[in-house]
Amino acid sequence: MPVKVGKRIEPGVIPASVMQYILQCLQDICYGQVVLVAQDGRLIQVEREEKLRLAGACLQREHASMAEEELTGLAQRIRTAFIHLDFGQLVIVVKAGNVVQIERTVKQRFTGLDGEGI
């Protein structure tokens, strides 16, 4: 499902339509991750990676859906973790259909060095 964002996204903000897409991805994935990429404090990219686990000759993809209050709490945690991310990424890891961790990688840019930055 394409997500349309008309104007430039404000720093530290995840638009409601994009958050809805992120939460849907997290519900659809049994094993994998969703990565939010920030540049200048703005969300510029959402990546979805799904791993398919094999049990014998069968593909494992079944898992229970998340409850509405669980989705609301998860959305708040994602927004909180993303709000002050200037450069870097937020990785939301899913195992057996459950979000098990959120990793926050911050990149810092240095000027005045050989090569002017990273």
PDB file of N, CA and C in Angstrom:
ATOM      1  N   MET A   1       0.847  -1.175   0.000  1.00  0.00           N
ATOM      2  CA  MET A   1       0.000   0.000   0.000  1.00  0.00           C
ATOM      3  C   MET A   1       0.896   1.242   0.000  1.00  0.00           C
ATOM      4  N   PRO A   2       0.843   2.050  -1.050  1.00  0.00           N
ATOM      5  CA  PRO A   2       1.642   3.267  -1.075  1.00  0.00           C
ATOM      6  C   PRO A   2       1.136   4.269  -0.049  1.00  0.00           C
ATOM      7  N   VAL A   3       2.081   4.953   0.584  1.00  0.00           N
ATOM      8  CA  VAL A   3       1.728   5.979   1.563  1.00  0.00           C
ATOM      9  C   VAL A   3       2.082   7.324   0.953  1.00  0.00           C
ATOM     10  N   LYS A   4       1.088   8.206   0.831  1.00  0.00           N
ATOM     11  CA  LYS A   4       1.331   9.519   0.254  1.00  0.00           C
ATOM     12  C   LYS A   4       1.533  10.534   1.370  1.00  0.00           C
ATOM     13  N   VAL A   5       2.608  11.292   1.239  1.00  0.00           N
ATOM     14  CA  VAL A   5       2.873  12.383   2.166  1.00  0.00           C
ATOM     15  C   VAL A   5       3.011  13.625   1.302  1.00  0.00           C
ATOM     16  N   GLY A   6       2.051  14.542   1.427  1.00  0.00           N
ATOM     17  CA  GLY A   6       2.006  15.704   0.552  1.00  0.00           C
ATOM     18  C   GLY A   6       3.126  16.695   0.746  1.00  0.00           C
ATOM     19  N   LYS A   7       3.347  17.131   1.968  1.00  0.00           N
ATOM     20  CA  LYS A   7       4.368  18.134   2.211  1.00  0.00           C
ATOM     21  C   LYS A   7       5.515  17.517   2.987  1.00  0.00           C
ATOM     22  N   ARG A   8       6.548  18.284   3.159  1.00  0.00           N
ATOM     23  CA  ARG A   8       7.739  17.809   3.860  1.00  0.00           C
ATOM     24  C   ARG A   8       7.406  17.475   5.317  1.00  0.00           C
ATOM     25  N   ILE A   9       7.909  16.345   5.775  1.00  0.00           N
ATOM     26  CA  ILE A   9       7.649  15.895   7.141  1.00  0.00           C
ATOM     27  C   ILE A   9       8.464  16.737   8.114  1.00  0.00           C
ATOM     28  N   GLU A  10       7.833  17.150   9.200  1.00  0.00           N
ATOM     29  CA  GLU A  10       8.504  17.943  10.228  1.00  0.00           C
ATOM     30  C   GLU A  10       9.513  17.086  10.988  1.00  0.00           C
ATOM     31  N   PRO A  11      10.582  17.703  11.512  1.00  0.00           N
ATOM     32  CA  PRO A  11      11.573  16.947  12.291  1.00  0.00           C
ATOM     33  C   PRO A  11      10.943  16.264  13.500  1.00  0.00           C
ATOM     34  N   GLY A  12      11.328  14.996  13.728  1.00  0.00           N
ATOM     35  CA  GLY A  12      10.864  14.244  14.880  1.00  0.00           C
ATOM     36  C   GLY A  12       9.437  13.728  14.803  1.00  0.00           C
ATOM     37  N   VAL A  13       8.765  13.954  13.680  1.00  0.00           N
ATOM     38  CA  VAL A  13       7.354  13.582  13.540  1.00  0.00           C
ATOM     39  C   VAL A  13       7.215  12.372  12.623  1.00  0.00           C
ATOM     40  N   ILE A  14       6.345  11.453  13.017  1.00  0.00           N
ATOM     41  CA  ILE A  14       5.950  10.347  12.142  1.00  0.00           C
ATOM     42  C   ILE A  14       4.472  10.567  11.838  1.00  0.00           C
ATOM     43  N   PRO A  15       4.141  10.915  10.588  1.00  0.00           N
ATOM     44  CA  PRO A  15       2.736  11.169  10.240  1.00  0.00           C
ATOM     45  C   PRO A  15       1.852   9.958  10.537  1.00  0.00           C
ATOM     46  N   ALA A  16       0.586  10.210  10.827  1.00  0.00           N
ATOM     47  CA  ALA A  16      -0.354   9.151  11.200  1.00  0.00           C
ATOM     48  C   ALA A  16      -0.456   8.077  10.123  1.00  0.00           C
ATOM     49  N   SER A  17      -0.499   8.467   8.852  1.00  0.00           N
ATOM     50  CA  SER A  17      -0.610   7.479   7.770  1.00  0.00           C
ATOM     51  C   SER A  17       0.631   6.587   7.698  1.00  0.00           C
ATOM     52  N   VAL A  18       1.797   7.161   7.960  1.00  0.00           N
ATOM     53  CA  VAL A  18       3.039   6.397   7.950  1.00  0.00           C
ATOM     54  C   VAL A  18       3.082   5.476   9.175  1.00  0.00           C
ATOM     55  N   MET A  19       2.650   5.967  10.325  1.00  0.00           N
ATOM     56  CA  MET A  19       2.612   5.130  11.524  1.00  0.00           C
ATOM     57  C   MET A  19       1.662   3.952  11.319  1.00  0.00           C
ATOM     58  N   GLN A  20       0.545   4.204  10.671  1.00  0.00           N
ATOM     59  CA  GLN A  20      -0.407   3.128  10.381  1.00  0.00           C
ATOM     60  C   GLN A  20       0.258   2.067   9.499  1.00  0.00           C
ATOM     61  N   TYR A  21       1.022   2.493   8.507  1.00  0.00           N
ATOM     62  CA  TYR A  21       1.743   1.567   7.639  1.00  0.00           C
ATOM     63  C   TYR A  21       2.776   0.767   8.432  1.00  0.00           C
ATOM     64  N   ILE A  22       3.528   1.439   9.309  1.00  0.00           N
ATOM     65  CA  ILE A  22       4.545   0.782  10.142  1.00  0.00           C
ATOM     66  C   ILE A  22       3.896  -0.280  11.025  1.00  0.00           C
ATOM     67  N   LEU A  23       2.798   0.073  11.683  1.00  0.00           N
ATOM     68  CA  LEU A  23       2.112  -0.866  12.561  1.00  0.00           C
ATOM     69  C   LEU A  23       1.551  -2.050  11.778  1.00  0.00           C
ATOM     70  N   GLN A  24       1.065  -1.798  10.572  1.00  0.00           N
ATOM     71  CA  GLN A  24       0.563  -2.896   9.736  1.00  0.00           C
ATOM     72  C   GLN A  24       1.702  -3.837   9.351  1.00  0.00           C
ATOM     73  N   CYS A  25       2.859  -3.274   9.006  1.00  0.00           N
ATOM     74  CA  CYS A  25       4.034  -4.098   8.688  1.00  0.00           C
ATOM     75  C   CYS A  25       4.415  -4.963   9.887  1.00  0.00           C
ATOM     76  N   LEU A  26       4.422  -4.366  11.075  1.00  0.00           N
ATOM     77  CA  LEU A  26       4.796  -5.092  12.284  1.00  0.00           C
ATOM     78  C   LEU A  26       3.815  -6.220  12.590  1.00  0.00           C
ATOM     79  N   GLN A  27       2.558  -6.039  12.231  1.00  0.00           N
ATOM     80  CA  GLN A  27       1.567  -7.098  12.430  1.00  0.00           C
ATOM     81  C   GLN A  27       1.681  -8.198  11.387  1.00  0.00           C
ATOM     82  N   ASP A  28       2.135  -7.853  10.189  1.00  0.00           N
ATOM     83  CA  ASP A  28       2.237  -8.826   9.097  1.00  0.00           C
ATOM     84  C   ASP A  28       3.487  -9.691   9.202  1.00  0.00           C
ATOM     85  N   ILE A  29       4.535  -9.168   9.841  1.00  0.00           N
ATOM     86  CA  ILE A  29       5.814  -9.868   9.915  1.00  0.00           C
ATOM     87  C   ILE A  29       5.800 -10.849  11.084  1.00  0.00           C
ATOM     88  N   CYS A  30       6.259 -12.062  10.829  1.00  0.00           N
ATOM     89  CA  CYS A  30       6.403 -13.044  11.901  1.00  0.00           C
ATOM     90  C   CYS A  30       7.823 -12.992  12.462  1.00  0.00           C
ATOM     91  N   TYR A  31       8.808 -12.919  11.577  1.00  0.00           N
ATOM     92  CA  TYR A  31      10.217 -12.745  11.952  1.00  0.00           C
ATOM     93  C   TYR A  31      10.811 -11.700  11.018  1.00  0.00           C
ATOM     94  N   GLY A  32      11.509 -10.707  11.556  1.00  0.00           N
ATOM     95  CA  GLY A  32      12.131  -9.688  10.720  1.00  0.00           C
ATOM     96  C   GLY A  32      12.238  -8.361  11.444  1.00  0.00           C
ATOM     97  N   GLN A  33      12.216  -7.284  10.667  1.00  0.00           N
ATOM     98  CA  GLN A  33      12.363  -5.960  11.262  1.00  0.00           C
ATOM     99  C   GLN A  33      11.816  -4.878  10.346  1.00  0.00           C
ATOM    100  N   VAL A  34      11.484  -3.756  10.972  1.00  0.00           N
ATOM    101  CA  VAL A  34      11.106  -2.544  10.254  1.00  0.00           C
ATOM    102  C   VAL A  34      12.116  -1.480  10.670  1.00  0.00           C
ATOM    103  N   VAL A  35      12.698  -0.802   9.679  1.00  0.00           N
ATOM    104  CA  VAL A  35      13.740   0.193   9.937  1.00  0.00           C
ATOM    105  C   VAL A  35      13.236   1.568   9.507  1.00  0.00           C
ATOM    106  N   LEU A  36      13.336   2.543  10.415  1.00  0.00           N
ATOM    107  CA  LEU A  36      13.000   3.933  10.106  1.00  0.00           C
ATOM    108  C   LEU A  36      14.313   4.692   9.990  1.00  0.00           C
ATOM    109  N   VAL A  37      14.509   5.382   8.877  1.00  0.00           N
ATOM    110  CA  VAL A  37      15.751   6.109   8.630  1.00  0.00           C
ATOM    111  C   VAL A  37      15.495   7.603   8.765  1.00  0.00           C
ATOM    112  N   ALA A  38      16.342   8.272   9.565  1.00  0.00           N
ATOM    113  CA  ALA A  38      16.205   9.713   9.804  1.00  0.00           C
ATOM    114  C   ALA A  38      17.385  10.465   9.210  1.00  0.00           C
ATOM    115  N   GLN A  39      17.082  11.614   8.647  1.00  0.00           N
ATOM    116  CA  GLN A  39      18.111  12.530   8.147  1.00  0.00           C
ATOM    117  C   GLN A  39      17.631  13.940   8.447  1.00  0.00           C
ATOM    118  N   ASP A  40      18.478  14.712   9.100  1.00  0.00           N
ATOM    119  CA  ASP A  40      18.110  16.060   9.550  1.00  0.00           C
ATOM    120  C   ASP A  40      16.870  16.033  10.432  1.00  0.00           C
ATOM    121  N   GLY A  41      16.725  14.957  11.218  1.00  0.00           N
ATOM    122  CA  GLY A  41      15.593  14.839  12.120  1.00  0.00           C
ATOM    123  C   GLY A  41      14.300  14.432  11.464  1.00  0.00           C
ATOM    124  N   ARG A  42      14.315  14.226  10.147  1.00  0.00           N
ATOM    125  CA  ARG A  42      13.101  13.898   9.402  1.00  0.00           C
ATOM    126  C   ARG A  42      13.107  12.428   8.982  1.00  0.00           C
ATOM    127  N   LEU A  43      11.956  11.807   9.052  1.00  0.00           N
ATOM    128  CA  LEU A  43      11.802  10.446   8.564  1.00  0.00           C
ATOM    129  C   LEU A  43      11.866  10.482   7.047  1.00  0.00           C
ATOM    130  N   ILE A  44      12.873   9.813   6.472  1.00  0.00           N
ATOM    131  CA  ILE A  44      13.009   9.845   5.015  1.00  0.00           C
ATOM    132  C   ILE A  44      12.763   8.487   4.366  1.00  0.00           C
ATOM    133  N   GLN A  45      12.755   7.405   5.185  1.00  0.00           N
ATOM    134  CA  GLN A  45      12.647   6.087   4.578  1.00  0.00           C
ATOM    135  C   GLN A  45      12.151   5.077   5.608  1.00  0.00           C
ATOM    136  N   VAL A  46      11.324   4.146   5.151  1.00  0.00           N
ATOM    137  CA  VAL A  46      10.874   3.019   5.961  1.00  0.00           C
ATOM    138  C   VAL A  46      11.243   1.754   5.200  1.00  0.00           C
ATOM    139  N   GLU A  47      11.985   0.863   5.861  1.00  0.00           N
ATOM    140  CA  GLU A  47      12.393  -0.396   5.242  1.00  0.00           C
ATOM    141  C   GLU A  47      11.723  -1.540   5.978  1.00  0.00           C
ATOM    142  N   ARG A  48      11.317  -2.544   5.244  1.00  0.00           N
ATOM    143  CA  ARG A  48      10.683  -3.724   5.828  1.00  0.00           C
ATOM    144  C   ARG A  48      11.487  -4.940   5.401  1.00  0.00           C
ATOM    145  N   GLU A  49      11.907  -5.733   6.395  1.00  0.00           N
ATOM    146  CA  GLU A  49      12.648  -6.956   6.101  1.00  0.00           C
ATOM    147  C   GLU A  49      11.945  -8.109   6.802  1.00  0.00           C
ATOM    148  N   GLU A  50      11.574  -9.122   6.033  1.00  0.00           N
ATOM    149  CA  GLU A  50      10.891 -10.272   6.610  1.00  0.00           C
ATOM    150  C   GLU A  50      11.725 -11.520   6.397  1.00  0.00           C
ATOM    151  N   LYS A  51      11.857 -12.309   7.457  1.00  0.00           N
ATOM    152  CA  LYS A  51      12.566 -13.577   7.397  1.00  0.00           C
ATOM    153  C   LYS A  51      11.528 -14.688   7.484  1.00  0.00           C
ATOM    154  N   LEU A  52      11.661 -15.666   6.630  1.00  0.00           N
ATOM    155  CA  LEU A  52      10.722 -16.779   6.634  1.00  0.00           C
ATOM    156  C   LEU A  52      11.407 -17.990   7.263  1.00  0.00           C
ATOM    157  N   ARG A  53      10.895 -18.443   8.387  1.00  0.00           N
ATOM    158  CA  ARG A  53      11.460 -19.584   9.105  1.00  0.00           C
ATOM    159  C   ARG A  53      10.846 -20.872   8.568  1.00  0.00           C
ATOM    160  N   LEU A  54      11.678 -21.871   8.385  1.00  0.00           N
ATOM    161  CA  LEU A  54      11.217 -23.169   7.913  1.00  0.00           C
ATOM    162  C   LEU A  54      11.246 -24.165   9.063  1.00  0.00           C
ATOM    163  N   ALA A  55      10.157 -24.883   9.242  1.00  0.00           N
ATOM    164  CA  ALA A  55      10.081 -25.944  10.245  1.00  0.00           C
ATOM    165  C   ALA A  55       9.809 -27.227   9.472  1.00  0.00           C
ATOM    166  N   GLY A  56      10.835 -28.070   9.333  1.00  0.00           N
ATOM    167  CA  GLY A  56      10.695 -29.244   8.485  1.00  0.00           C
ATOM    168  C   GLY A  56      10.545 -28.777   7.057  1.00  0.00           C
ATOM    169  N   ALA A  57       9.446 -29.134   6.428  1.00  0.00           N
ATOM    170  CA  ALA A  57       9.197 -28.701   5.047  1.00  0.00           C
ATOM    171  C   ALA A  57       8.109 -27.639   4.992  1.00  0.00           C
ATOM    172  N   CYS A  58       7.688 -27.145   6.159  1.00  0.00           N
ATOM    173  CA  CYS A  58       6.589 -26.175   6.211  1.00  0.00           C
ATOM    174  C   CYS A  58       7.105 -24.783   6.541  1.00  0.00           C
ATOM    175  N   LEU A  59       6.439 -23.822   6.013  1.00  0.00           N
ATOM    176  CA  LEU A  59       6.767 -22.429   6.267  1.00  0.00           C
ATOM    177  C   LEU A  59       5.990 -21.948   7.483  1.00  0.00           C
ATOM    178  N   GLN A  60       6.691 -21.359   8.456  1.00  0.00           N
ATOM    179  CA  GLN A  60       6.029 -20.835   9.651  1.00  0.00           C
ATOM    180  C   GLN A  60       5.712 -19.361   9.472  1.00  0.00           C
ATOM    181  N   ARG A  61       4.426 -19.016   9.449  1.00  0.00           N
ATOM    182  CA  ARG A  61       4.029 -17.618   9.329  1.00  0.00           C
ATOM    183  C   ARG A  61       2.874 -17.283  10.250  1.00  0.00           C
ATOM    184  N   GLU A  62       2.373 -18.237  10.965  1.00  0.00           N
ATOM    185  CA  GLU A  62       1.194 -17.988  11.796  1.00  0.00           C
ATOM    186  C   GLU A  62       1.573 -17.366  13.131  1.00  0.00           C
ATOM    187  N   HIS A  63       0.848 -16.321  13.495  1.00  0.00           N
ATOM    188  CA  HIS A  63       1.013 -15.684  14.792  1.00  0.00           C
ATOM    189  C   HIS A  63      -0.251 -14.894  15.110  1.00  0.00           C
ATOM    190  N   ALA A  64      -0.443 -14.611  16.364  1.00  0.00           N
ATOM    191  CA  ALA A  64      -1.641 -13.889  16.803  1.00  0.00           C
ATOM    192  C   ALA A  64      -1.525 -12.401  16.488  1.00  0.00           C
ATOM    193  N   SER A  65      -2.659 -11.770  16.215  1.00  0.00           N
ATOM    194  CA  SER A  65      -2.691 -10.327  15.967  1.00  0.00           C
ATOM    195  C   SER A  65      -2.487  -9.566  17.273  1.00  0.00           C
ATOM    196  N   MET A  66      -1.975  -8.337  17.152  1.00  0.00           N
ATOM    197  CA  MET A  66      -1.776  -7.498  18.332  1.00  0.00           C
ATOM    198  C   MET A  66      -3.091  -6.823  18.711  1.00  0.00           C
ATOM    199  N   ALA A  67      -3.305  -6.668  20.017  1.00  0.00           N
ATOM    200  CA  ALA A  67      -4.495  -5.982  20.520  1.00  0.00           C
ATOM    201  C   ALA A  67      -4.364  -4.480  20.259  1.00  0.00           C
ATOM    202  N   GLU A  68      -5.497  -3.792  20.210  1.00  0.00           N
ATOM    203  CA  GLU A  68      -5.508  -2.351  19.920  1.00  0.00           C
ATOM    204  C   GLU A  68      -4.692  -1.547  20.922  1.00  0.00           C
ATOM    205  N   GLU A  69      -4.807  -1.877  22.218  1.00  0.00           N
ATOM    206  CA  GLU A  69      -4.043  -1.135  23.225  1.00  0.00           C
ATOM    207  C   GLU A  69      -2.543  -1.422  23.101  1.00  0.00           C
ATOM    208  N   GLU A  70      -2.189  -2.623  22.652  1.00  0.00           N
ATOM    209  CA  GLU A  70      -0.782  -2.959  22.419  1.00  0.00           C
ATOM    210  C   GLU A  70      -0.231  -2.141  21.246  1.00  0.00           C
ATOM    211  N   LEU A  71      -1.029  -1.981  20.201  1.00  0.00           N
ATOM    212  CA  LEU A  71      -0.624  -1.173  19.045  1.00  0.00           C
ATOM    213  C   LEU A  71      -0.459   0.296  19.422  1.00  0.00           C
ATOM    214  N   THR A  72      -1.372   0.810  20.251  1.00  0.00           N
ATOM    215  CA  THR A  72      -1.299   2.204  20.693  1.00  0.00           C
ATOM    216  C   THR A  72      -0.029   2.437  21.508  1.00  0.00           C
ATOM    217  N   GLY A  73       0.264   1.531  22.428  1.00  0.00           N
ATOM    218  CA  GLY A  73       1.480   1.636  23.242  1.00  0.00           C
ATOM    219  C   GLY A  73       2.737   1.526  22.405  1.00  0.00           C
ATOM    220  N   LEU A  74       2.718   0.626  21.427  1.00  0.00           N
ATOM    221  CA  LEU A  74       3.861   0.457  20.536  1.00  0.00           C
ATOM    222  C   LEU A  74       4.088   1.706  19.697  1.00  0.00           C
ATOM    223  N   ALA A  75       3.026   2.294  19.183  1.00  0.00           N
ATOM    224  CA  ALA A  75       3.141   3.527  18.398  1.00  0.00           C
ATOM    225  C   ALA A  75       3.766   4.640  19.232  1.00  0.00           C
ATOM    226  N   GLN A  76       3.364   4.742  20.498  1.00  0.00           N
ATOM    227  CA  GLN A  76       3.922   5.771  21.378  1.00  0.00           C
ATOM    228  C   GLN A  76       5.410   5.524  21.632  1.00  0.00           C
ATOM    229  N   ARG A  77       5.790   4.273  21.840  1.00  0.00           N
ATOM    230  CA  ARG A  77       7.211   3.944  22.059  1.00  0.00           C
ATOM    231  C   ARG A  77       8.049   4.284  20.830  1.00  0.00           C
ATOM    232  N   ILE A  78       7.508   4.004  19.646  1.00  0.00           N
ATOM    233  CA  ILE A  78       8.225   4.301  18.409  1.00  0.00           C
ATOM    234  C   ILE A  78       8.388   5.812  18.265  1.00  0.00           C
ATOM    235  N   ARG A  79       7.319   6.568  18.486  1.00  0.00           N
ATOM    236  CA  ARG A  79       7.399   8.031  18.392  1.00  0.00           C
ATOM    237  C   ARG A  79       8.403   8.598  19.393  1.00  0.00           C
ATOM    238  N   THR A  80       8.403   8.090  20.615  1.00  0.00           N
ATOM    239  CA  THR A  80       9.322   8.561  21.647  1.00  0.00           C
ATOM    240  C   THR A  80      10.772   8.279  21.266  1.00  0.00           C
ATOM    241  N   ALA A  81      11.035   7.096  20.743  1.00  0.00           N
ATOM    242  CA  ALA A  81      12.396   6.730  20.356  1.00  0.00           C
ATOM    243  C   ALA A  81      12.869   7.525  19.141  1.00  0.00           C
ATOM    244  N   PHE A  82      11.941   7.920  18.280  1.00  0.00           N
ATOM    245  CA  PHE A  82      12.309   8.611  17.043  1.00  0.00           C
ATOM    246  C   PHE A  82      12.441  10.126  17.208  1.00  0.00           C
ATOM    247  N   ILE A  83      11.795  10.707  18.189  1.00  0.00           N
ATOM    248  CA  ILE A  83      11.618  12.157  18.269  1.00  0.00           C
ATOM    249  C   ILE A  83      12.914  12.971  18.208  1.00  0.00           C
ATOM    250  N   HIS A  84      13.988  12.537  18.828  1.00  0.00           N
ATOM    251  CA  HIS A  84      15.235  13.308  18.829  1.00  0.00           C
ATOM    252  C   HIS A  84      16.335  12.643  18.011  1.00  0.00           C
ATOM    253  N   LEU A  85      15.954  11.849  17.025  1.00  0.00           N
ATOM    254  CA  LEU A  85      16.920  11.175  16.162  1.00  0.00           C
ATOM    255  C   LEU A  85      17.208  12.078  14.963  1.00  0.00           C
ATOM    256  N   ASP A  86      18.384  12.725  14.965  1.00  0.00           N
ATOM    257  CA  ASP A  86      18.728  13.622  13.863  1.00  0.00           C
ATOM    258  C   ASP A  86      19.222  12.857  12.637  1.00  0.00           C
ATOM    259  N   PHE A  87      20.254  12.045  12.826  1.00  0.00           N
ATOM    260  CA  PHE A  87      20.788  11.208  11.760  1.00  0.00           C
ATOM    261  C   PHE A  87      20.920   9.803  12.313  1.00  0.00           C
ATOM    262  N   GLY A  88      20.388   8.813  11.622  1.00  0.00           N
ATOM    263  CA  GLY A  88      20.508   7.432  12.071  1.00  0.00           C
ATOM    264  C   GLY A  88      19.276   6.628  11.730  1.00  0.00           C
ATOM    265  N   GLN A  89      19.078   5.578  12.515  1.00  0.00           N
ATOM    266  CA  GLN A  89      17.935   4.721  12.238  1.00  0.00           C
ATOM    267  C   GLN A  89      17.373   4.096  13.506  1.00  0.00           C
ATOM    268  N   LEU A  90      16.121   3.738  13.403  1.00  0.00           N
ATOM    269  CA  LEU A  90      15.403   3.056  14.460  1.00  0.00           C
ATOM    270  C   LEU A  90      15.010   1.691  13.890  1.00  0.00           C
ATOM    271  N   VAL A  91      15.466   0.622  14.523  1.00  0.00           N
ATOM    272  CA  VAL A  91      15.187  -0.730  14.053  1.00  0.00           C
ATOM    273  C   VAL A  91      14.224  -1.383  15.036  1.00  0.00           C
ATOM    274  N   ILE A  92      13.079  -1.815  14.535  1.00  0.00           N
ATOM    275  CA  ILE A  92      12.066  -2.470  15.352  1.00  0.00           C
ATOM    276  C   ILE A  92      12.107  -3.956  14.996  1.00  0.00           C
ATOM    277  N   VAL A  93      12.525  -4.779  15.946  1.00  0.00           N
ATOM    278  CA  VAL A  93      12.765  -6.200  15.698  1.00  0.00           C
ATOM    279  C   VAL A  93      11.549  -7.019  16.118  1.00  0.00           C
ATOM    280  N   VAL A  94      11.135  -7.942  15.220  1.00  0.00           N
ATOM    281  CA  VAL A  94       9.974  -8.796  15.457  1.00  0.00           C
ATOM    282  C   VAL A  94      10.423 -10.254  15.447  1.00  0.00           C
ATOM    283  N   LYS A  95      10.028 -10.988  16.487  1.00  0.00           N
ATOM    284  CA  LYS A  95      10.292 -12.426  16.557  1.00  0.00           C
ATOM    285  C   LYS A  95       9.010 -13.128  16.966  1.00  0.00           C
ATOM    286  N   ALA A  96       8.654 -14.162  16.221  1.00  0.00           N
ATOM    287  CA  ALA A  96       7.429 -14.939  16.483  1.00  0.00           C
ATOM    288  C   ALA A  96       6.196 -14.040  16.570  1.00  0.00           C
ATOM    289  N   GLY A  97       6.171 -13.000  15.746  1.00  0.00           N
ATOM    290  CA  GLY A  97       5.023 -12.101  15.691  1.00  0.00           C
ATOM    291  C   GLY A  97       4.962 -11.064  16.791  1.00  0.00           C
ATOM    292  N   ASN A  98       5.987 -11.003  17.638  1.00  0.00           N
ATOM    293  CA  ASN A  98       6.021 -10.035  18.738  1.00  0.00           C
ATOM    294  C   ASN A  98       7.193  -9.080  18.577  1.00  0.00           C
ATOM    295  N   VAL A  99       6.953  -7.803  18.849  1.00  0.00           N
ATOM    296  CA  VAL A  99       8.045  -6.835  18.857  1.00  0.00           C
ATOM    297  C   VAL A  99       8.859  -7.121  20.112  1.00  0.00           C
ATOM    298  N   VAL A 100      10.150  -7.440  19.913  1.00  0.00           N
ATOM    299  CA  VAL A 100      10.984  -7.821  21.050  1.00  0.00           C
ATOM    300  C   VAL A 100      11.986  -6.742  21.437  1.00  0.00           C
ATOM    301  N   GLN A 101      12.311  -5.836  20.512  1.00  0.00           N
ATOM    302  CA  GLN A 101      13.224  -4.741  20.872  1.00  0.00           C
ATOM    303  C   GLN A 101      13.178  -3.632  19.839  1.00  0.00           C
ATOM    304  N   ILE A 102      13.620  -2.478  20.294  1.00  0.00           N
ATOM    305  CA  ILE A 102      13.789  -1.317  19.420  1.00  0.00           C
ATOM    306  C   ILE A 102      15.236  -0.874  19.583  1.00  0.00           C
ATOM    307  N   GLU A 103      15.966  -0.868  18.479  1.00  0.00           N
ATOM    308  CA  GLU A 103      17.364  -0.450  18.476  1.00  0.00           C
ATOM    309  C   GLU A 103      17.449   0.941  17.870  1.00  0.00           C
ATOM    310  N   ARG A 104      18.210   1.807  18.508  1.00  0.00           N
ATOM    311  CA  ARG A 104      18.356   3.183  18.040  1.00  0.00           C
ATOM    312  C   ARG A 104      19.820   3.431  17.733  1.00  0.00           C
ATOM    313  N   THR A 105      20.139   3.688  16.461  1.00  0.00           N
ATOM    314  CA  THR A 105      21.507   3.961  16.045  1.00  0.00           C
ATOM    315  C   THR A 105      21.603   5.433  15.655  1.00  0.00           C
ATOM    316  N   VAL A 106      22.461   6.162  16.358  1.00  0.00           N
ATOM    317  CA  VAL A 106      22.629   7.593  16.105  1.00  0.00           C
ATOM    318  C   VAL A 106      23.941   7.804  15.368  1.00  0.00           C
ATOM    319  N   LYS A 107      23.875   8.539  14.267  1.00  0.00           N
ATOM    320  CA  LYS A 107      25.088   8.904  13.535  1.00  0.00           C
ATOM    321  C   LYS A 107      25.392  10.364  13.826  1.00  0.00           C
ATOM    322  N   GLN A 108      26.638  10.641  14.109  1.00  0.00           N
ATOM    323  CA  GLN A 108      27.041  12.018  14.365  1.00  0.00           C
ATOM    324  C   GLN A 108      27.987  12.470  13.262  1.00  0.00           C
ATOM    325  N   ARG A 109      27.773  13.655  12.783  1.00  0.00           N
ATOM    326  CA  ARG A 109      28.618  14.211  11.726  1.00  0.00           C
ATOM    327  C   ARG A 109      29.624  15.167  12.344  1.00  0.00           C
ATOM    328  N   PHE A 110      30.874  15.026  11.917  1.00  0.00           N
ATOM    329  CA  PHE A 110      31.950  15.886  12.391  1.00  0.00           C
ATOM    330  C   PHE A 110      32.481  16.694  11.218  1.00  0.00           C
ATOM    331  N   THR A 111      32.681  17.981  11.414  1.00  0.00           N
ATOM    332  CA  THR A 111      33.255  18.822  10.374  1.00  0.00           C
ATOM    333  C   THR A 111      34.619  19.305  10.827  1.00  0.00           C
ATOM    334  N   GLY A 112      35.402  19.766   9.885  1.00  0.00           N
ATOM    335  CA  GLY A 112      36.723  20.258  10.208  1.00  0.00           C
ATOM    336  C   GLY A 112      37.777  19.163  10.202  1.00  0.00           C
ATOM    337  N   LEU A 113      37.402  17.966   9.886  1.00  0.00           N
ATOM    338  CA  LEU A 113      38.334  16.858   9.792  1.00  0.00           C
ATOM    339  C   LEU A 113      38.712  16.640   8.328  1.00  0.00           C
ATOM    340  N   ASP A 114      39.718  15.849   8.113  1.00  0.00           N
ATOM    341  CA  ASP A 114      40.076  15.490   6.729  1.00  0.00           C
ATOM    342  C   ASP A 114      38.896  14.820   6.062  1.00  0.00           C
ATOM    343  N   GLY A 115      38.465  15.327   4.947  1.00  0.00           N
ATOM    344  CA  GLY A 115      37.346  14.751   4.233  1.00  0.00           C
ATOM    345  C   GLY A 115      36.019  15.371   4.580  1.00  0.00           C
ATOM    346  N   GLU A 116      35.969  16.295   5.554  1.00  0.00           N
ATOM    347  CA  GLU A 116      34.758  17.037   5.917  1.00  0.00           C
ATOM    348  C   GLU A 116      33.559  16.130   6.160  1.00  0.00           C
ATOM    349  N   GLY A 117      33.602  15.395   7.199  1.00  0.00           N
ATOM    350  CA  GLY A 117      32.438  14.595   7.592  1.00  0.00           C
ATOM    351  C   GLY A 117      32.710  13.115   7.511  1.00  0.00           C
ATOM    352  N   ILE A 118      31.658  12.374   7.547  1.00  0.00           N
ATOM    353  CA  ILE A 118      31.762  10.916   7.559  1.00  0.00           C
ATOM    354  C   ILE A 118      31.682  10.387   6.146  1.00  0.00           C
TER     355      ILE A 118
END
